[in-house]
Amino acid sequence: MTVMILGLLIFLGMHSVRIVADDWRATQIQRMGELPWKAAYSVVSIIGLALAIWGYGQMRLDPVLVWQPPVGLRHVVSLLMIPAFILLVAAYVPGNHLKAKLGHPMILAVKLWAFSHLLANGRLGDIVFFGAFLLWAVFDFRAARRRPRPDTAAPGMVGTVATVVIGLVAYYLFAFHLHMWVTGVPVM
């Protein structure tokens, strides 16, 4: 669990720089340049995520059960992941109503993903892993709402429909084909 926590601290810590030290971040970008900052940010984030995922996998070998979730909660997770995938896609598809209305759909997707997985997983490592992401997403969403919204493309039906369709296809592919391969755990 130590490796997982270290990875979470690195990954979520790097993603929290804008929350806790936005002025320092802006200074570093100005000093280093945007591309070198993004490269350093990405390398540190990838290292942290790799450690968190590896540590999570190791934690699953010797789990500490805190509670036994009812099997029916897996269905709730499956349902909540549909809007989570759509929101994740909404962060990247230009000109969709979801991004225009919500402002930060990716953070909302992380909230839904983490919350839903907390419902269906009762091991201590799961609670730490998904709880850390949920806590980070709550603070990040709060901080993001305080910043001025960036200019985005005017929302239209094409962007919104594309967002929903791509989100549903991504959900289908991940839930029914990739989840087991990526996590080693079947969806149902």
Foldseek 3Di string as FASTA:
>chain_A
DVLLVQLLCQQLVLVCCCLPPVVVLVVCCVVVPVVVSVVVSVVSNVVSVVSNLVVLVVCVVPWAFPDAADPCLLVVLLVLLLQLLLLCLLVPQAQAPVCVVLVRSNLVSLLSNLVSQPRHDGTPSSCVNSVSSNVSSVSVSVSSVPDDRDDTHHHDPVSHVVSSVVSNVVSCCCQPPNVCVVRVDHSD
